[in-house]
């Protein structure tokens, strides 16, 4: 594995959280997207972020990981810059999807990236609903990859963006 992480320290609290750079890096978002799709067998995933530049980069990597998850051909709805509640409303509403929210907090000299993963019914992922399996896949360097180009999913802009005026 290139650039390994301490999964016990980072993959927790409903997803991943850690200091950037250092504890967490953009590849972690890819890993989470791919592993989330495979462990939950998610046909759809809604993704949004808080608008911070680092969050945008992590959300992009998470989307790309989700569409490259074995044979699942996940359809990712990218909401861009939205609130976490807007993401959950969209995911549990018409899109009927699992969800991933990316945010960045900066205080003093520390930048903390948080990726929160949700089940299709809007519950934060925990060890019993897939987080332990995700941690195990990453620990064992078994992050899912696509089996062929026909198995690749898609990333689509979520239509709600056009009506809310939010920017990607």
C-alpha atoms as a PDB file:
ATOM      1  CA  UNK A   1       0.000   0.000   0.000  1.00  0.00           C
ATOM      2  CA  UNK A   2       1.312   3.408  -0.908  1.00  0.00           C
ATOM      3  CA  UNK A   3       1.114   5.952   1.903  1.00  0.00           C
ATOM      4  CA  UNK A   4      -0.553   3.743   4.563  1.00  0.00           C
ATOM      5  CA  UNK A   5      -2.551   5.196   7.438  1.00  0.00           C
ATOM      6  CA  UNK A   6      -3.261   4.188  11.028  1.00  0.00           C
ATOM      7  CA  UNK A   7      -6.752   2.835  10.333  1.00  0.00           C
ATOM      8  CA  UNK A   8      -7.660   2.485  14.012  1.00  0.00           C
ATOM      9  CA  UNK A   9      -6.929   6.183  14.551  1.00  0.00           C
ATOM     10  CA  UNK A  10      -8.437   7.480  11.278  1.00  0.00           C
ATOM     11  CA  UNK A  11     -11.344   5.165  10.336  1.00  0.00           C
ATOM     12  CA  UNK A  12     -13.742   5.928  13.178  1.00  0.00           C
ATOM     13  CA  UNK A  13     -16.628   8.174  14.211  1.00  0.00           C
ATOM     14  CA  UNK A  14     -18.816   7.229  11.254  1.00  0.00           C
ATOM     15  CA  UNK A  15     -16.128   7.486   8.586  1.00  0.00           C
ATOM     16  CA  UNK A  16     -12.658   8.993   8.689  1.00  0.00           C
ATOM     17  CA  UNK A  17     -11.151  11.903  10.559  1.00  0.00           C
ATOM     18  CA  UNK A  18      -7.588  13.111  10.830  1.00  0.00           C
ATOM     19  CA  UNK A  19      -5.033  15.884  10.518  1.00  0.00           C
ATOM     20  CA  UNK A  20      -4.179  16.885   6.970  1.00  0.00           C
ATOM     21  CA  UNK A  21      -1.517  16.350   5.882  1.00  0.00           C
ATOM     22  CA  UNK A  22      -0.206  13.642   8.134  1.00  0.00           C
ATOM     23  CA  UNK A  23      -2.869  11.310   9.459  1.00  0.00           C
ATOM     24  CA  UNK A  24      -5.146  11.525   6.421  1.00  0.00           C
ATOM     25  CA  UNK A  25      -4.578  12.127   2.688  1.00  0.00           C
ATOM     26  CA  UNK A  26      -6.693  12.268  -0.493  1.00  0.00           C
ATOM     27  CA  UNK A  27      -6.231   8.556  -1.248  1.00  0.00           C
ATOM     28  CA  UNK A  28      -8.141   7.765   1.959  1.00  0.00           C
ATOM     29  CA  UNK A  29     -11.218   9.335   0.365  1.00  0.00           C
ATOM     30  CA  UNK A  30     -10.812   7.094  -2.707  1.00  0.00           C
ATOM     31  CA  UNK A  31     -10.472   4.053  -0.455  1.00  0.00           C
ATOM     32  CA  UNK A  32     -13.577   5.012   1.528  1.00  0.00           C
ATOM     33  CA  UNK A  33     -15.669   5.544  -1.603  1.00  0.00           C
ATOM     34  CA  UNK A  34     -14.682   2.214  -3.108  1.00  0.00           C
ATOM     35  CA  UNK A  35     -14.977   0.272   0.143  1.00  0.00           C
ATOM     36  CA  UNK A  36     -18.324   1.859   1.047  1.00  0.00           C
ATOM     37  CA  UNK A  37     -19.864   0.809  -2.271  1.00  0.00           C
ATOM     38  CA  UNK A  38     -18.573  -2.753  -1.970  1.00  0.00           C
ATOM     39  CA  UNK A  39     -19.333  -3.340   1.720  1.00  0.00           C
ATOM     40  CA  UNK A  40     -22.847  -1.870   1.548  1.00  0.00           C
ATOM     41  CA  UNK A  41     -23.489  -2.984  -2.060  1.00  0.00           C
ATOM     42  CA  UNK A  42     -24.606   0.580  -2.756  1.00  0.00           C
ATOM     43  CA  UNK A  43     -26.109   1.117  -6.209  1.00  0.00           C
ATOM     44  CA  UNK A  44     -26.234   4.879  -5.524  1.00  0.00           C
ATOM     45  CA  UNK A  45     -24.174   7.294  -3.462  1.00  0.00           C
ATOM     46  CA  UNK A  46     -24.827  10.984  -2.791  1.00  0.00           C
ATOM     47  CA  UNK A  47     -21.713  13.098  -2.076  1.00  0.00           C
ATOM     48  CA  UNK A  48     -21.412  16.692  -0.839  1.00  0.00           C
ATOM     49  CA  UNK A  49     -18.856  18.910   0.893  1.00  0.00           C
ATOM     50  CA  UNK A  50     -18.622  22.121   2.901  1.00  0.00           C
ATOM     51  CA  UNK A  51     -16.950  24.132   0.124  1.00  0.00           C
ATOM     52  CA  UNK A  52     -13.442  24.271   1.605  1.00  0.00           C
ATOM     53  CA  UNK A  53     -10.774  23.666  -1.078  1.00  0.00           C
ATOM     54  CA  UNK A  54      -9.394  20.611   0.730  1.00  0.00           C
ATOM     55  CA  UNK A  55     -12.919  19.219   1.108  1.00  0.00           C
ATOM     56  CA  UNK A  56     -13.510  19.648  -2.634  1.00  0.00           C
ATOM     57  CA  UNK A  57     -10.370  17.615  -3.409  1.00  0.00           C
ATOM     58  CA  UNK A  58     -11.347  14.859  -0.962  1.00  0.00           C
ATOM     59  CA  UNK A  59     -14.943  14.725  -2.268  1.00  0.00           C
ATOM     60  CA  UNK A  60     -13.651  14.378  -5.841  1.00  0.00           C
ATOM     61  CA  UNK A  61     -11.420  11.463  -4.860  1.00  0.00           C
ATOM     62  CA  UNK A  62     -14.260   9.823  -2.923  1.00  0.00           C
ATOM     63  CA  UNK A  63     -16.528  10.033  -5.995  1.00  0.00           C
ATOM     64  CA  UNK A  64     -13.846   8.527  -8.223  1.00  0.00           C
ATOM     65  CA  UNK A  65     -13.271   5.681  -5.764  1.00  0.00           C
ATOM     66  CA  UNK A  66     -17.007   4.941  -5.585  1.00  0.00           C
ATOM     67  CA  UNK A  67     -17.338   4.538  -9.359  1.00  0.00           C
ATOM     68  CA  UNK A  68     -14.339   2.199  -9.445  1.00  0.00           C
ATOM     69  CA  UNK A  69     -15.621  -0.429  -7.012  1.00  0.00           C
ATOM     70  CA  UNK A  70     -15.441  -3.925  -8.492  1.00  0.00           C
ATOM     71  CA  UNK A  71     -18.578  -4.726 -10.529  1.00  0.00           C
ATOM     72  CA  UNK A  72     -21.031  -2.447  -8.704  1.00  0.00           C
ATOM     73  CA  UNK A  73     -21.201   0.391 -11.287  1.00  0.00           C
ATOM     74  CA  UNK A  74     -22.337   2.798  -8.595  1.00  0.00           C
ATOM     75  CA  UNK A  75     -24.234   5.888  -9.704  1.00  0.00           C
ATOM     76  CA  UNK A  76     -22.801   8.817  -7.735  1.00  0.00           C
ATOM     77  CA  UNK A  77     -24.917  11.937  -7.324  1.00  0.00           C
ATOM     78  CA  UNK A  78     -22.547  14.837  -6.729  1.00  0.00           C
ATOM     79  CA  UNK A  79     -24.261  17.677  -4.885  1.00  0.00           C
ATOM     80  CA  UNK A  80     -21.137  19.833  -4.548  1.00  0.00           C
ATOM     81  CA  UNK A  81     -21.168  22.527  -1.858  1.00  0.00           C
ATOM     82  CA  UNK A  82     -24.206  21.785   0.302  1.00  0.00           C
ATOM     83  CA  UNK A  83     -25.057  21.445   3.960  1.00  0.00           C
ATOM     84  CA  UNK A  84     -24.885  18.020   5.528  1.00  0.00           C
ATOM     85  CA  UNK A  85     -28.650  18.136   6.100  1.00  0.00           C
ATOM     86  CA  UNK A  86     -29.314  18.932   2.425  1.00  0.00           C
ATOM     87  CA  UNK A  87     -27.151  15.931   1.504  1.00  0.00           C
ATOM     88  CA  UNK A  88     -29.070  13.632   3.846  1.00  0.00           C
ATOM     89  CA  UNK A  89     -32.439  14.937   2.647  1.00  0.00           C
ATOM     90  CA  UNK A  90     -31.441  14.262  -0.975  1.00  0.00           C
ATOM     91  CA  UNK A  91     -29.931  10.868  -0.224  1.00  0.00           C
ATOM     92  CA  UNK A  92     -32.870   9.553   1.773  1.00  0.00           C
ATOM     93  CA  UNK A  93     -35.422  11.202  -0.527  1.00  0.00           C
ATOM     94  CA  UNK A  94     -35.707  10.858  -4.279  1.00  0.00           C
ATOM     95  CA  UNK A  95     -32.134   9.615  -4.821  1.00  0.00           C
ATOM     96  CA  UNK A  96     -32.492   6.695  -2.346  1.00  0.00           C
ATOM     97  CA  UNK A  97     -28.756   6.479  -1.735  1.00  0.00           C
ATOM     98  CA  UNK A  98     -26.022   6.003   0.770  1.00  0.00           C
ATOM     99  CA  UNK A  99     -24.219   9.274   1.449  1.00  0.00           C
ATOM    100  CA  UNK A 100     -20.810  10.792   2.124  1.00  0.00           C
ATOM    101  CA  UNK A 101     -20.181  14.259   3.581  1.00  0.00           C
ATOM    102  CA  UNK A 102     -16.707  15.856   3.523  1.00  0.00           C
ATOM    103  CA  UNK A 103     -15.760  18.800   5.722  1.00  0.00           C
ATOM    104  CA  UNK A 104     -12.600  20.590   6.800  1.00  0.00           C
ATOM    105  CA  UNK A 105     -11.966  22.434  10.064  1.00  0.00           C
ATOM    106  CA  UNK A 106      -8.951  24.631  10.628  1.00  0.00           C
ATOM    107  CA  UNK A 107      -7.920  25.964  14.007  1.00  0.00           C
ATOM    108  CA  UNK A 108      -4.561  27.289  15.046  1.00  0.00           C
ATOM    109  CA  UNK A 109      -2.124  25.435  12.780  1.00  0.00           C
ATOM    110  CA  UNK A 110      -4.138  22.230  12.397  1.00  0.00           C
ATOM    111  CA  UNK A 111      -6.350  21.251   9.470  1.00  0.00           C
ATOM    112  CA  UNK A 112      -8.739  18.402  10.230  1.00  0.00           C
ATOM    113  CA  UNK A 113     -10.572  16.548   7.463  1.00  0.00           C
ATOM    114  CA  UNK A 114     -13.727  14.640   8.352  1.00  0.00           C
ATOM    115  CA  UNK A 115     -15.546  12.237   6.035  1.00  0.00           C
ATOM    116  CA  UNK A 116     -18.893  11.030   7.348  1.00  0.00           C
ATOM    117  CA  UNK A 117     -20.497   7.985   5.742  1.00  0.00           C
ATOM    118  CA  UNK A 118     -24.215   7.236   5.881  1.00  0.00           C
ATOM    119  CA  UNK A 119     -26.372   4.214   5.181  1.00  0.00           C
ATOM    120  CA  UNK A 120     -29.205   4.397   2.657  1.00  0.00           C
ATOM    121  CA  UNK A 121     -31.649   5.186   5.464  1.00  0.00           C
ATOM    122  CA  UNK A 122     -29.562   8.133   6.704  1.00  0.00           C
ATOM    123  CA  UNK A 123     -27.840   6.504   9.676  1.00  0.00           C
ATOM    124  CA  UNK A 124     -24.184   7.244  10.329  1.00  0.00           C
ATOM    125  CA  UNK A 125     -22.092   4.180   9.511  1.00  0.00           C
ATOM    126  CA  UNK A 126     -20.744   2.301  12.516  1.00  0.00           C
ATOM    127  CA  UNK A 127     -18.830  -0.922  13.016  1.00  0.00           C
ATOM    128  CA  UNK A 128     -21.995  -3.034  12.730  1.00  0.00           C
ATOM    129  CA  UNK A 129     -23.168  -1.378   9.480  1.00  0.00           C
ATOM    130  CA  UNK A 130     -19.931  -1.536   7.502  1.00  0.00           C
ATOM    131  CA  UNK A 131     -17.270   0.673   9.081  1.00  0.00           C
ATOM    132  CA  UNK A 132     -15.379  -2.298  10.560  1.00  0.00           C
ATOM    133  CA  UNK A 133     -15.399  -4.014   7.154  1.00  0.00           C
ATOM    134  CA  UNK A 134     -14.071  -0.842   5.492  1.00  0.00           C
ATOM    135  CA  UNK A 135     -11.301  -0.567   8.095  1.00  0.00           C
ATOM    136  CA  UNK A 136     -10.410  -4.228   7.532  1.00  0.00           C
ATOM    137  CA  UNK A 137     -10.241  -3.873   3.725  1.00  0.00           C
ATOM    138  CA  UNK A 138      -7.932  -0.863   4.035  1.00  0.00           C
ATOM    139  CA  UNK A 139      -5.809  -2.563   6.723  1.00  0.00           C
ATOM    140  CA  UNK A 140      -5.297  -5.587   4.481  1.00  0.00           C
ATOM    141  CA  UNK A 141      -4.645  -3.427   1.369  1.00  0.00           C
ATOM    142  CA  UNK A 142      -7.727  -4.923  -0.291  1.00  0.00           C
ATOM    143  CA  UNK A 143      -9.331  -1.706  -1.534  1.00  0.00           C
ATOM    144  CA  UNK A 144     -11.702  -2.787  -4.322  1.00  0.00           C
ATOM    145  CA  UNK A 145     -10.821  -1.956  -7.916  1.00  0.00           C
ATOM    146  CA  UNK A 146     -13.001  -2.260 -11.031  1.00  0.00           C
ATOM    147  CA  UNK A 147     -13.130  -5.616 -12.744  1.00  0.00           C
ATOM    148  CA  UNK A 148     -13.514  -4.039 -16.217  1.00  0.00           C
ATOM    149  CA  UNK A 149     -14.533  -0.789 -17.909  1.00  0.00           C
ATOM    150  CA  UNK A 150     -18.179  -1.899 -18.233  1.00  0.00           C
ATOM    151  CA  UNK A 151     -18.329  -2.208 -14.446  1.00  0.00           C
ATOM    152  CA  UNK A 152     -17.374   1.446 -13.929  1.00  0.00           C
ATOM    153  CA  UNK A 153     -20.018   3.664 -12.384  1.00  0.00           C
ATOM    154  CA  UNK A 154     -20.932   7.260 -13.206  1.00  0.00           C
ATOM    155  CA  UNK A 155     -20.718  10.631 -11.503  1.00  0.00           C
ATOM    156  CA  UNK A 156     -23.677  12.909 -12.155  1.00  0.00           C
ATOM    157  CA  UNK A 157     -24.378  16.408 -10.937  1.00  0.00           C
ATOM    158  CA  UNK A 158     -27.330  16.314  -8.602  1.00  0.00           C
ATOM    159  CA  UNK A 159     -30.161  18.386 -10.136  1.00  0.00           C
ATOM    160  CA  UNK A 160     -30.955  20.126  -6.829  1.00  0.00           C
ATOM    161  CA  UNK A 161     -27.812  22.207  -7.354  1.00  0.00           C
ATOM    162  CA  UNK A 162     -29.457  24.160 -10.137  1.00  0.00           C
ATOM    163  CA  UNK A 163     -32.313  25.253  -7.870  1.00  0.00           C
ATOM    164  CA  UNK A 164     -30.308  25.995  -4.716  1.00  0.00           C
ATOM    165  CA  UNK A 165     -27.692  28.137  -6.413  1.00  0.00           C
ATOM    166  CA  UNK A 166     -24.869  26.284  -4.657  1.00  0.00           C
ATOM    167  CA  UNK A 167     -21.524  25.989  -6.369  1.00  0.00           C
ATOM    168  CA  UNK A 168     -19.611  22.718  -6.855  1.00  0.00           C
END
